[in-house]
Amino acid sequence: MAAIVYITIRSTTYYTQRVQWANNQLEAVTALTVNANRYSEQIAEFLLIGEPERPDYESARAELEAGFEKLAELTRGEAEFLLGSSKQEEGGDEIFRITRMRTLYGEIAKATSDAINLRNQGRQEDAVRIFRRDIENRFDAEFENILEAARRDEEEEVVRTELQAEALWRRLTWMTAALALAAVVLCFVAAFLLARSLMRPISLLTEGTEAISRGDLDHRIAFDGRDELGALAKRFNEMATHQQDQRDRLLNAKAELEQQVATRTAELAAANQV
């Protein structure tokens, strides 16, 4: 039972932490998706409106980069948590995915810089063409697909971990029930053996006392246990032997007294005849 409690505590802690890691990463991926959409929108507004939109553009870029850092930190933390487990390979896949997103973000950032330079040169149409081809399409076709795959993986991991935790709880419940049943059976068996081990010497002691009360001083208790009941049986036999010795002495004394009385009586009868 102690082992099951220990396993339960360890497993509960492990699966709780796994679900927490997965939920944190899911939140980070969701936030990264929102920040990526905002960054794409701010690029478009910056190209169309110009410098007045630069603060919002810079803010959106900073939030997206911070989202990358947070997701990478969570992924590294989960990889360390899963170190040595069968799920470590999944952590490697997540790190590879983040690396791919960073690479794609760098390419989009370079395309954005090229588009801004073209706009500054008055080549607005070329800037819009680069935006649609190298920025907007890549965000929609590649970046969001990677984010969607990451979000789906994290959701599946949460569900999978919860199912594994439920399966473990069911196994532990059955194990606990089986051990409890075994403990009850063992208690009954132990109680039966204990009762039997106590009833035999008690029955022998009862028979001995009844035999002594009937005057059967030759009766002895055939029990040589090393416990308190064995010691009591030994004392009982010693008492019976002592009582038998006293009875024998009394009977011998009585017989001698009767012999002496008979002899004296015979002597008195002989003297009266004279």
C-alpha atoms as a PDB file:
ATOM      1  CA  MET A   1       0.000   0.000   0.000  1.00  0.00           C
ATOM      2  CA  ALA A   2       2.878   2.347   0.820  1.00  0.00           C
ATOM      3  CA  ALA A   3       4.438   1.576  -2.576  1.00  0.00           C
ATOM      4  CA  ILE A   4       1.157   2.362  -4.345  1.00  0.00           C
ATOM      5  CA  VAL A   5       0.835   5.659  -2.472  1.00  0.00           C
ATOM      6  CA  TYR A   6       4.413   6.537  -3.462  1.00  0.00           C
ATOM      7  CA  ILE A   7       3.811   5.620  -7.113  1.00  0.00           C
ATOM      8  CA  THR A   8       0.539   7.561  -7.108  1.00  0.00           C
ATOM      9  CA  ILE A   9       2.188  10.708  -5.760  1.00  0.00           C
ATOM     10  CA  ARG A  10       5.091  10.465  -8.210  1.00  0.00           C
ATOM     11  CA  SER A  11       2.819   9.739 -11.180  1.00  0.00           C
ATOM     12  CA  THR A  12       0.353  12.469 -10.269  1.00  0.00           C
ATOM     13  CA  THR A  13       3.167  14.989 -10.002  1.00  0.00           C
ATOM     14  CA  TYR A  14       4.678  13.842 -13.301  1.00  0.00           C
ATOM     15  CA  TYR A  15       1.457  13.958 -15.319  1.00  0.00           C
ATOM     16  CA  THR A  16       0.375  17.228 -13.718  1.00  0.00           C
ATOM     17  CA  GLN A  17       3.659  18.817 -14.746  1.00  0.00           C
ATOM     18  CA  ARG A  18       3.415  17.338 -18.254  1.00  0.00           C
ATOM     19  CA  VAL A  19      -0.074  18.761 -18.725  1.00  0.00           C
ATOM     20  CA  GLN A  20       1.140  22.114 -17.374  1.00  0.00           C
ATOM     21  CA  TRP A  21       4.071  22.173 -19.814  1.00  0.00           C
ATOM     22  CA  ALA A  22       1.768  21.292 -22.716  1.00  0.00           C
ATOM     23  CA  ASN A  23      -0.807  23.930 -21.716  1.00  0.00           C
ATOM     24  CA  ASN A  24       1.886  26.593 -21.369  1.00  0.00           C
ATOM     25  CA  GLN A  25       3.232  25.752 -24.801  1.00  0.00           C
ATOM     26  CA  LEU A  26      -0.281  25.751 -26.256  1.00  0.00           C
ATOM     27  CA  GLU A  27      -0.841  29.236 -24.832  1.00  0.00           C
ATOM     28  CA  ALA A  28       2.515  30.371 -26.242  1.00  0.00           C
ATOM     29  CA  VAL A  29       1.696  28.987 -29.701  1.00  0.00           C
ATOM     30  CA  THR A  30      -1.733  30.648 -29.616  1.00  0.00           C
ATOM     31  CA  ALA A  31      -0.176  33.975 -28.628  1.00  0.00           C
ATOM     32  CA  LEU A  32       2.458  33.536 -31.336  1.00  0.00           C
ATOM     33  CA  THR A  33      -0.299  32.999 -33.916  1.00  0.00           C
ATOM     34  CA  VAL A  34      -2.010  36.223 -32.840  1.00  0.00           C
ATOM     35  CA  ASN A  35       1.286  38.131 -32.888  1.00  0.00           C
ATOM     36  CA  ALA A  36       2.170  36.748 -36.337  1.00  0.00           C
ATOM     37  CA  ASN A  37      -1.169  37.919 -37.760  1.00  0.00           C
ATOM     38  CA  ARG A  38      -0.706  41.335 -36.175  1.00  0.00           C
ATOM     39  CA  TYR A  39       2.842  41.564 -37.512  1.00  0.00           C
ATOM     40  CA  SER A  40       1.634  40.735 -41.021  1.00  0.00           C
ATOM     41  CA  GLU A  41      -1.077  43.396 -40.772  1.00  0.00           C
ATOM     42  CA  GLN A  42       1.378  45.994 -39.475  1.00  0.00           C
ATOM     43  CA  ILE A  43       3.753  45.292 -42.358  1.00  0.00           C
ATOM     44  CA  ALA A  44       0.923  45.949 -44.795  1.00  0.00           C
ATOM     45  CA  GLU A  45      -0.098  49.173 -43.020  1.00  0.00           C
ATOM     46  CA  PHE A  46       3.514  50.328 -42.798  1.00  0.00           C
ATOM     47  CA  LEU A  47       3.975  49.813 -46.533  1.00  0.00           C
ATOM     48  CA  LEU A  48       0.719  51.610 -47.348  1.00  0.00           C
ATOM     49  CA  ILE A  49       0.793  54.472 -44.851  1.00  0.00           C
ATOM     50  CA  GLY A  50       4.455  54.929 -44.132  1.00  0.00           C
ATOM     51  CA  GLU A  51       6.377  56.235 -41.135  1.00  0.00           C
ATOM     52  CA  PRO A  52       3.360  56.995 -38.909  1.00  0.00           C
ATOM     53  CA  GLU A  53       2.856  53.233 -38.646  1.00  0.00           C
ATOM     54  CA  ARG A  54       6.481  52.497 -37.753  1.00  0.00           C
ATOM     55  CA  PRO A  55       5.890  52.409 -33.918  1.00  0.00           C
ATOM     56  CA  ASP A  56       3.087  49.870 -34.335  1.00  0.00           C
ATOM     57  CA  TYR A  57       5.202  47.888 -36.774  1.00  0.00           C
ATOM     58  CA  GLU A  58       8.181  47.816 -34.405  1.00  0.00           C
ATOM     59  CA  SER A  59       5.901  46.882 -31.496  1.00  0.00           C
ATOM     60  CA  ALA A  60       4.359  44.002 -33.461  1.00  0.00           C
ATOM     61  CA  ARG A  61       7.801  42.727 -34.444  1.00  0.00           C
ATOM     62  CA  ALA A  62       9.072  42.928 -30.863  1.00  0.00           C
ATOM     63  CA  GLU A  63       6.037  41.007 -29.571  1.00  0.00           C
ATOM     64  CA  LEU A  64       6.538  38.326 -32.232  1.00  0.00           C
ATOM     65  CA  GLU A  65      10.223  37.928 -31.322  1.00  0.00           C
ATOM     66  CA  ALA A  66       9.321  37.801 -27.625  1.00  0.00           C
ATOM     67  CA  GLY A  67       6.803  35.089 -28.464  1.00  0.00           C
ATOM     68  CA  PHE A  68       9.547  33.110 -30.168  1.00  0.00           C
ATOM     69  CA  GLU A  69      11.750  33.413 -27.086  1.00  0.00           C
ATOM     70  CA  LYS A  70       8.986  32.355 -24.727  1.00  0.00           C
ATOM     71  CA  LEU A  71       8.038  29.329 -26.843  1.00  0.00           C
ATOM     72  CA  ALA A  72      11.709  28.325 -27.190  1.00  0.00           C
ATOM     73  CA  GLU A  73      12.212  28.655 -23.422  1.00  0.00           C
ATOM     74  CA  LEU A  74       9.160  26.518 -22.703  1.00  0.00           C
ATOM     75  CA  THR A  75      10.253  23.925 -25.250  1.00  0.00           C
ATOM     76  CA  ARG A  76      13.739  23.702 -23.740  1.00  0.00           C
ATOM     77  CA  GLY A  77      12.228  23.410 -20.268  1.00  0.00           C
ATOM     78  CA  GLU A  78       9.933  20.605 -21.384  1.00  0.00           C
ATOM     79  CA  ALA A  79      12.846  18.842 -23.120  1.00  0.00           C
ATOM     80  CA  GLU A  80      14.811  18.927 -19.850  1.00  0.00           C
ATOM     81  CA  PHE A  81      11.752  17.678 -17.968  1.00  0.00           C
ATOM     82  CA  LEU A  82      11.349  14.784 -20.429  1.00  0.00           C
ATOM     83  CA  LEU A  83      15.078  14.024 -20.452  1.00  0.00           C
ATOM     84  CA  GLY A  84      15.548  10.268 -20.417  1.00  0.00           C
ATOM     85  CA  SER A  85      11.879   9.502 -21.098  1.00  0.00           C
ATOM     86  CA  SER A  86      10.266   8.068 -24.212  1.00  0.00           C
ATOM     87  CA  LYS A  87       8.794  11.504 -25.019  1.00  0.00           C
ATOM     88  CA  GLN A  88      12.180  13.210 -25.387  1.00  0.00           C
ATOM     89  CA  GLU A  89      12.034  12.755 -29.174  1.00  0.00           C
ATOM     90  CA  GLU A  90       8.857  14.845 -29.308  1.00  0.00           C
ATOM     91  CA  GLY A  91      10.706  17.690 -27.592  1.00  0.00           C
ATOM     92  CA  GLY A  92      13.359  17.481 -30.329  1.00  0.00           C
ATOM     93  CA  ASP A  93      10.660  17.807 -32.990  1.00  0.00           C
ATOM     94  CA  GLU A  94       9.288  20.908 -31.280  1.00  0.00           C
ATOM     95  CA  ILE A  95      12.737  22.509 -31.155  1.00  0.00           C
ATOM     96  CA  PHE A  96      13.198  21.783 -34.866  1.00  0.00           C
ATOM     97  CA  ARG A  97       9.807  23.379 -35.576  1.00  0.00           C
ATOM     98  CA  ILE A  98      10.775  26.538 -33.666  1.00  0.00           C
ATOM     99  CA  THR A  99      14.052  26.676 -35.578  1.00  0.00           C
ATOM    100  CA  ARG A 100      12.119  26.446 -38.843  1.00  0.00           C
ATOM    101  CA  MET A 101       9.773  29.238 -37.754  1.00  0.00           C
ATOM    102  CA  ARG A 102      12.723  31.444 -36.822  1.00  0.00           C
ATOM    103  CA  THR A 103      14.327  30.816 -40.197  1.00  0.00           C
ATOM    104  CA  LEU A 104      11.081  31.628 -41.970  1.00  0.00           C
ATOM    105  CA  TYR A 105      10.659  34.747 -39.856  1.00  0.00           C
ATOM    106  CA  GLY A 106      14.165  35.869 -40.825  1.00  0.00           C
ATOM    107  CA  GLU A 107      13.354  35.429 -44.506  1.00  0.00           C
ATOM    108  CA  ILE A 108      10.100  37.372 -44.088  1.00  0.00           C
ATOM    109  CA  ALA A 109      11.924  40.113 -42.171  1.00  0.00           C
ATOM    110  CA  LYS A 110      14.442  40.434 -45.047  1.00  0.00           C
ATOM    111  CA  ALA A 111      11.617  40.585 -47.585  1.00  0.00           C
ATOM    112  CA  THR A 112       9.950  43.261 -45.444  1.00  0.00           C
ATOM    113  CA  SER A 113      13.143  45.305 -45.415  1.00  0.00           C
ATOM    114  CA  ASP A 114      13.381  45.020 -49.221  1.00  0.00           C
ATOM    115  CA  ALA A 115       9.741  46.073 -49.596  1.00  0.00           C
ATOM    116  CA  ILE A 116      10.254  49.081 -47.314  1.00  0.00           C
ATOM    117  CA  ASN A 117      13.307  50.161 -49.324  1.00  0.00           C
ATOM    118  CA  LEU A 118      11.305  49.903 -52.561  1.00  0.00           C
ATOM    119  CA  ARG A 119       8.499  51.971 -51.038  1.00  0.00           C
ATOM    120  CA  ASN A 120      10.995  54.585 -49.907  1.00  0.00           C
ATOM    121  CA  GLN A 121      12.295  54.719 -53.502  1.00  0.00           C
ATOM    122  CA  GLY A 122       8.772  55.372 -54.744  1.00  0.00           C
ATOM    123  CA  ARG A 123       8.328  51.909 -56.210  1.00  0.00           C
ATOM    124  CA  GLN A 124       5.083  51.204 -54.413  1.00  0.00           C
ATOM    125  CA  GLU A 125       3.848  48.542 -56.824  1.00  0.00           C
ATOM    126  CA  ASP A 126       7.073  46.561 -56.509  1.00  0.00           C
ATOM    127  CA  ALA A 127       6.841  46.827 -52.741  1.00  0.00           C
ATOM    128  CA  VAL A 128       3.255  45.554 -52.781  1.00  0.00           C
ATOM    129  CA  ARG A 129       4.233  42.701 -55.087  1.00  0.00           C
ATOM    130  CA  ILE A 130       7.040  41.616 -52.735  1.00  0.00           C
ATOM    131  CA  PHE A 131       4.643  41.889 -49.801  1.00  0.00           C
ATOM    132  CA  ARG A 132       2.080  39.624 -51.406  1.00  0.00           C
ATOM    133  CA  ARG A 133       4.578  37.120 -52.790  1.00  0.00           C
ATOM    134  CA  ASP A 134       7.239  36.881 -50.067  1.00  0.00           C
ATOM    135  CA  ILE A 135       5.423  38.081 -46.955  1.00  0.00           C
ATOM    136  CA  GLU A 136       1.660  37.626 -46.997  1.00  0.00           C
ATOM    137  CA  ASN A 137       1.678  34.353 -48.921  1.00  0.00           C
ATOM    138  CA  ARG A 138       4.487  32.885 -46.825  1.00  0.00           C
ATOM    139  CA  PHE A 139       2.707  33.872 -43.622  1.00  0.00           C
ATOM    140  CA  ASP A 140      -0.498  32.251 -44.855  1.00  0.00           C
ATOM    141  CA  ALA A 141       1.034  29.207 -46.560  1.00  0.00           C
ATOM    142  CA  GLU A 142       4.027  28.304 -44.376  1.00  0.00           C
ATOM    143  CA  PHE A 143       4.185  30.204 -41.120  1.00  0.00           C
ATOM    144  CA  GLU A 144       0.563  29.661 -40.132  1.00  0.00           C
ATOM    145  CA  ASN A 145       0.759  26.002 -41.174  1.00  0.00           C
ATOM    146  CA  ILE A 146       3.706  25.479 -38.839  1.00  0.00           C
ATOM    147  CA  LEU A 147       1.870  27.262 -36.044  1.00  0.00           C
ATOM    148  CA  GLU A 148      -1.261  25.218 -36.688  1.00  0.00           C
ATOM    149  CA  ALA A 149       0.776  21.994 -36.586  1.00  0.00           C
ATOM    150  CA  ALA A 150       2.382  23.119 -33.311  1.00  0.00           C
ATOM    151  CA  ARG A 151      -1.002  24.024 -31.821  1.00  0.00           C
ATOM    152  CA  ARG A 152      -2.494  20.693 -32.903  1.00  0.00           C
ATOM    153  CA  ASP A 153       0.457  18.762 -31.455  1.00  0.00           C
ATOM    154  CA  GLU A 154       0.165  20.523 -28.104  1.00  0.00           C
ATOM    155  CA  GLU A 155      -3.590  19.902 -27.943  1.00  0.00           C
ATOM    156  CA  GLU A 156      -3.023  16.234 -28.762  1.00  0.00           C
ATOM    157  CA  GLU A 157      -0.308  16.025 -26.120  1.00  0.00           C
ATOM    158  CA  VAL A 158      -2.641  17.461 -23.487  1.00  0.00           C
ATOM    159  CA  VAL A 159      -5.354  14.951 -24.404  1.00  0.00           C
ATOM    160  CA  ARG A 160      -2.863  12.084 -24.618  1.00  0.00           C
ATOM    161  CA  THR A 161      -1.306  12.929 -21.261  1.00  0.00           C
ATOM    162  CA  GLU A 162      -4.699  13.173 -19.588  1.00  0.00           C
ATOM    163  CA  LEU A 163      -5.687   9.791 -21.041  1.00  0.00           C
ATOM    164  CA  GLN A 164      -2.426   8.257 -19.821  1.00  0.00           C
ATOM    165  CA  ALA A 165      -3.031   9.731 -16.369  1.00  0.00           C
ATOM    166  CA  GLU A 166      -6.582   8.335 -16.325  1.00  0.00           C
ATOM    167  CA  ALA A 167      -5.318   4.898 -17.410  1.00  0.00           C
ATOM    168  CA  LEU A 168      -2.696   4.982 -14.664  1.00  0.00           C
ATOM    169  CA  TRP A 169      -5.308   5.964 -12.100  1.00  0.00           C
ATOM    170  CA  ARG A 170      -7.490   3.061 -13.192  1.00  0.00           C
ATOM    171  CA  ARG A 171      -4.584   0.633 -12.865  1.00  0.00           C
ATOM    172  CA  LEU A 172      -3.668   2.009  -9.466  1.00  0.00           C
ATOM    173  CA  THR A 173      -7.308   1.777  -8.378  1.00  0.00           C
ATOM    174  CA  TRP A 174      -7.478  -1.878  -9.392  1.00  0.00           C
ATOM    175  CA  MET A 175      -4.145  -2.568  -7.708  1.00  0.00           C
ATOM    176  CA  THR A 176      -5.327  -0.853  -4.539  1.00  0.00           C
ATOM    177  CA  ALA A 177      -8.584  -2.821  -4.571  1.00  0.00           C
ATOM    178  CA  ALA A 178      -6.707  -6.086  -5.178  1.00  0.00           C
ATOM    179  CA  LEU A 179      -4.250  -5.374  -2.368  1.00  0.00           C
ATOM    180  CA  ALA A 180      -7.078  -4.379  -0.042  1.00  0.00           C
ATOM    181  CA  LEU A 181      -8.889  -7.635  -0.842  1.00  0.00           C
ATOM    182  CA  ALA A 182      -5.674  -9.596  -0.325  1.00  0.00           C
ATOM    183  CA  ALA A 183      -5.141  -7.803   2.982  1.00  0.00           C
ATOM    184  CA  VAL A 184      -8.673  -8.725   4.116  1.00  0.00           C
ATOM    185  CA  VAL A 185      -8.117 -12.372   3.128  1.00  0.00           C
ATOM    186  CA  LEU A 186      -4.767 -12.442   4.899  1.00  0.00           C
ATOM    187  CA  CYS A 187      -6.364 -10.913   7.997  1.00  0.00           C
ATOM    188  CA  PHE A 188      -9.031 -13.622   8.049  1.00  0.00           C
ATOM    189  CA  VAL A 189      -6.427 -16.353   7.518  1.00  0.00           C
ATOM    190  CA  ALA A 190      -4.209 -14.884  10.222  1.00  0.00           C
ATOM    191  CA  ALA A 191      -7.181 -14.582  12.570  1.00  0.00           C
ATOM    192  CA  PHE A 192      -8.160 -18.191  11.884  1.00  0.00           C
ATOM    193  CA  LEU A 193      -4.629 -19.469  12.490  1.00  0.00           C
ATOM    194  CA  LEU A 194      -4.313 -17.359  15.614  1.00  0.00           C
ATOM    195  CA  ALA A 195      -7.652 -18.572  16.936  1.00  0.00           C
ATOM    196  CA  ARG A 196      -6.713 -22.160  16.240  1.00  0.00           C
ATOM    197  CA  SER A 197      -3.320 -21.741  17.888  1.00  0.00           C
ATOM    198  CA  LEU A 198      -5.030 -20.282  20.967  1.00  0.00           C
ATOM    199  CA  MET A 199      -8.022 -22.603  21.157  1.00  0.00           C
ATOM    200  CA  ARG A 200      -5.986 -25.842  21.263  1.00  0.00           C
ATOM    201  CA  PRO A 201      -3.937 -24.993  24.376  1.00  0.00           C
ATOM    202  CA  ILE A 202      -6.938 -23.351  26.023  1.00  0.00           C
ATOM    203  CA  SER A 203      -8.979 -26.480  25.347  1.00  0.00           C
ATOM    204  CA  LEU A 204      -6.210 -28.652  26.794  1.00  0.00           C
ATOM    205  CA  LEU A 205      -6.015 -26.444  29.881  1.00  0.00           C
ATOM    206  CA  THR A 206      -9.788 -26.639  30.297  1.00  0.00           C
ATOM    207  CA  GLU A 207      -9.715 -30.432  30.043  1.00  0.00           C
ATOM    208  CA  GLY A 208      -6.898 -30.527  32.580  1.00  0.00           C
ATOM    209  CA  THR A 209      -8.756 -28.442  35.140  1.00  0.00           C
ATOM    210  CA  GLU A 210     -11.855 -30.585  34.706  1.00  0.00           C
ATOM    211  CA  ALA A 211      -9.783 -33.756  35.172  1.00  0.00           C
ATOM    212  CA  ILE A 212      -8.167 -32.391  38.341  1.00  0.00           C
ATOM    213  CA  SER A 213     -11.562 -31.352  39.684  1.00  0.00           C
ATOM    214  CA  ARG A 214     -12.722 -34.961  39.205  1.00  0.00           C
ATOM    215  CA  GLY A 215      -9.740 -36.149  41.205  1.00  0.00           C
ATOM    216  CA  ASP A 216      -7.766 -37.441  38.226  1.00  0.00           C
ATOM    217  CA  LEU A 217      -4.371 -36.255  39.428  1.00  0.00           C
ATOM    218  CA  ASP A 218      -2.620 -38.453  36.866  1.00  0.00           C
ATOM    219  CA  HIS A 219      -3.831 -36.191  34.042  1.00  0.00           C
ATOM    220  CA  ARG A 220      -1.162 -34.122  32.288  1.00  0.00           C
ATOM    221  CA  ILE A 221      -1.483 -31.425  29.601  1.00  0.00           C
ATOM    222  CA  ALA A 222       0.332 -32.450  26.414  1.00  0.00           C
ATOM    223  CA  PHE A 223       1.346 -28.976  25.283  1.00  0.00           C
ATOM    224  CA  ASP A 224       4.925 -27.768  25.264  1.00  0.00           C
ATOM    225  CA  GLY A 225       4.650 -24.366  23.583  1.00  0.00           C
ATOM    226  CA  ARG A 226       7.207 -21.668  24.218  1.00  0.00           C
ATOM    227  CA  ASP A 227       4.697 -18.928  24.801  1.00  0.00           C
ATOM    228  CA  GLU A 228       2.729 -17.920  27.894  1.00  0.00           C
ATOM    229  CA  LEU A 229       0.209 -20.725  27.364  1.00  0.00           C
ATOM    230  CA  GLY A 230       3.063 -23.238  27.206  1.00  0.00           C
ATOM    231  CA  ALA A 231       4.449 -21.876  30.460  1.00  0.00           C
ATOM    232  CA  LEU A 232       0.974 -22.088  32.024  1.00  0.00           C
ATOM    233  CA  ALA A 233       0.616 -25.732  30.890  1.00  0.00           C
ATOM    234  CA  LYS A 234       4.022 -26.529  32.413  1.00  0.00           C
ATOM    235  CA  ARG A 235       3.022 -24.940  35.728  1.00  0.00           C
ATOM    236  CA  PHE A 236      -0.274 -26.811  35.608  1.00  0.00           C
ATOM    237  CA  ASN A 237       1.515 -30.146  35.160  1.00  0.00           C
ATOM    238  CA  GLU A 238       3.896 -29.296  37.993  1.00  0.00           C
ATOM    239  CA  MET A 239       0.916 -28.461  40.200  1.00  0.00           C
ATOM    240  CA  ALA A 240      -0.776 -31.738  39.285  1.00  0.00           C
ATOM    241  CA  THR A 241       2.420 -33.659  40.080  1.00  0.00           C
ATOM    242  CA  HIS A 242       2.695 -31.889  43.410  1.00  0.00           C
ATOM    243  CA  GLN A 243      -0.944 -32.648  44.215  1.00  0.00           C
ATOM    244  CA  GLN A 244      -0.432 -36.270  43.208  1.00  0.00           C
ATOM    245  CA  ASP A 245       2.645 -36.526  45.466  1.00  0.00           C
ATOM    246  CA  GLN A 246       0.687 -35.052  48.396  1.00  0.00           C
ATOM    247  CA  ARG A 247      -2.185 -37.465  47.780  1.00  0.00           C
ATOM    248  CA  ASP A 248       0.209 -40.408  47.621  1.00  0.00           C
ATOM    249  CA  ARG A 249       1.834 -39.352  50.875  1.00  0.00           C
ATOM    250  CA  LEU A 250      -1.538 -38.960  52.518  1.00  0.00           C
ATOM    251  CA  LEU A 251      -2.651 -42.364  51.291  1.00  0.00           C
ATOM    252  CA  ASN A 252       0.577 -43.924  52.525  1.00  0.00           C
ATOM    253  CA  ALA A 253       0.205 -42.210  55.885  1.00  0.00           C
ATOM    254  CA  LYS A 254      -3.392 -43.363  56.124  1.00  0.00           C
ATOM    255  CA  ALA A 255      -2.400 -46.916  55.274  1.00  0.00           C
ATOM    256  CA  GLU A 256       0.358 -46.867  57.900  1.00  0.00           C
ATOM    257  CA  LEU A 257      -2.039 -45.407  60.459  1.00  0.00           C
ATOM    258  CA  GLU A 258      -4.615 -48.064  59.700  1.00  0.00           C
ATOM    259  CA  GLN A 259      -1.926 -50.742  60.011  1.00  0.00           C
ATOM    260  CA  GLN A 260      -0.815 -49.348  63.346  1.00  0.00           C
ATOM    261  CA  VAL A 261      -4.446 -49.222  64.591  1.00  0.00           C
ATOM    262  CA  ALA A 262      -5.037 -52.775  63.465  1.00  0.00           C
ATOM    263  CA  THR A 263      -1.861 -53.955  65.193  1.00  0.00           C
ATOM    264  CA  ARG A 264      -2.720 -52.127  68.400  1.00  0.00           C
ATOM    265  CA  THR A 265      -6.232 -53.470  68.349  1.00  0.00           C
ATOM    266  CA  ALA A 266      -4.938 -56.988  67.971  1.00  0.00           C
ATOM    267  CA  GLU A 267      -2.563 -56.462  70.891  1.00  0.00           C
ATOM    268  CA  LEU A 268      -5.355 -55.150  73.128  1.00  0.00           C
ATOM    269  CA  ALA A 269      -7.601 -58.055  72.219  1.00  0.00           C
ATOM    270  CA  ALA A 270      -4.837 -60.526  73.105  1.00  0.00           C
ATOM    271  CA  ALA A 271      -4.249 -58.833  76.453  1.00  0.00           C
ATOM    272  CA  ASN A 272      -7.944 -58.949  77.353  1.00  0.00           C
ATOM    273  CA  GLN A 273      -8.027 -62.672  76.723  1.00  0.00           C
ATOM    274  CA  VAL A 274      -5.275 -63.235  79.265  1.00  0.00           C
END
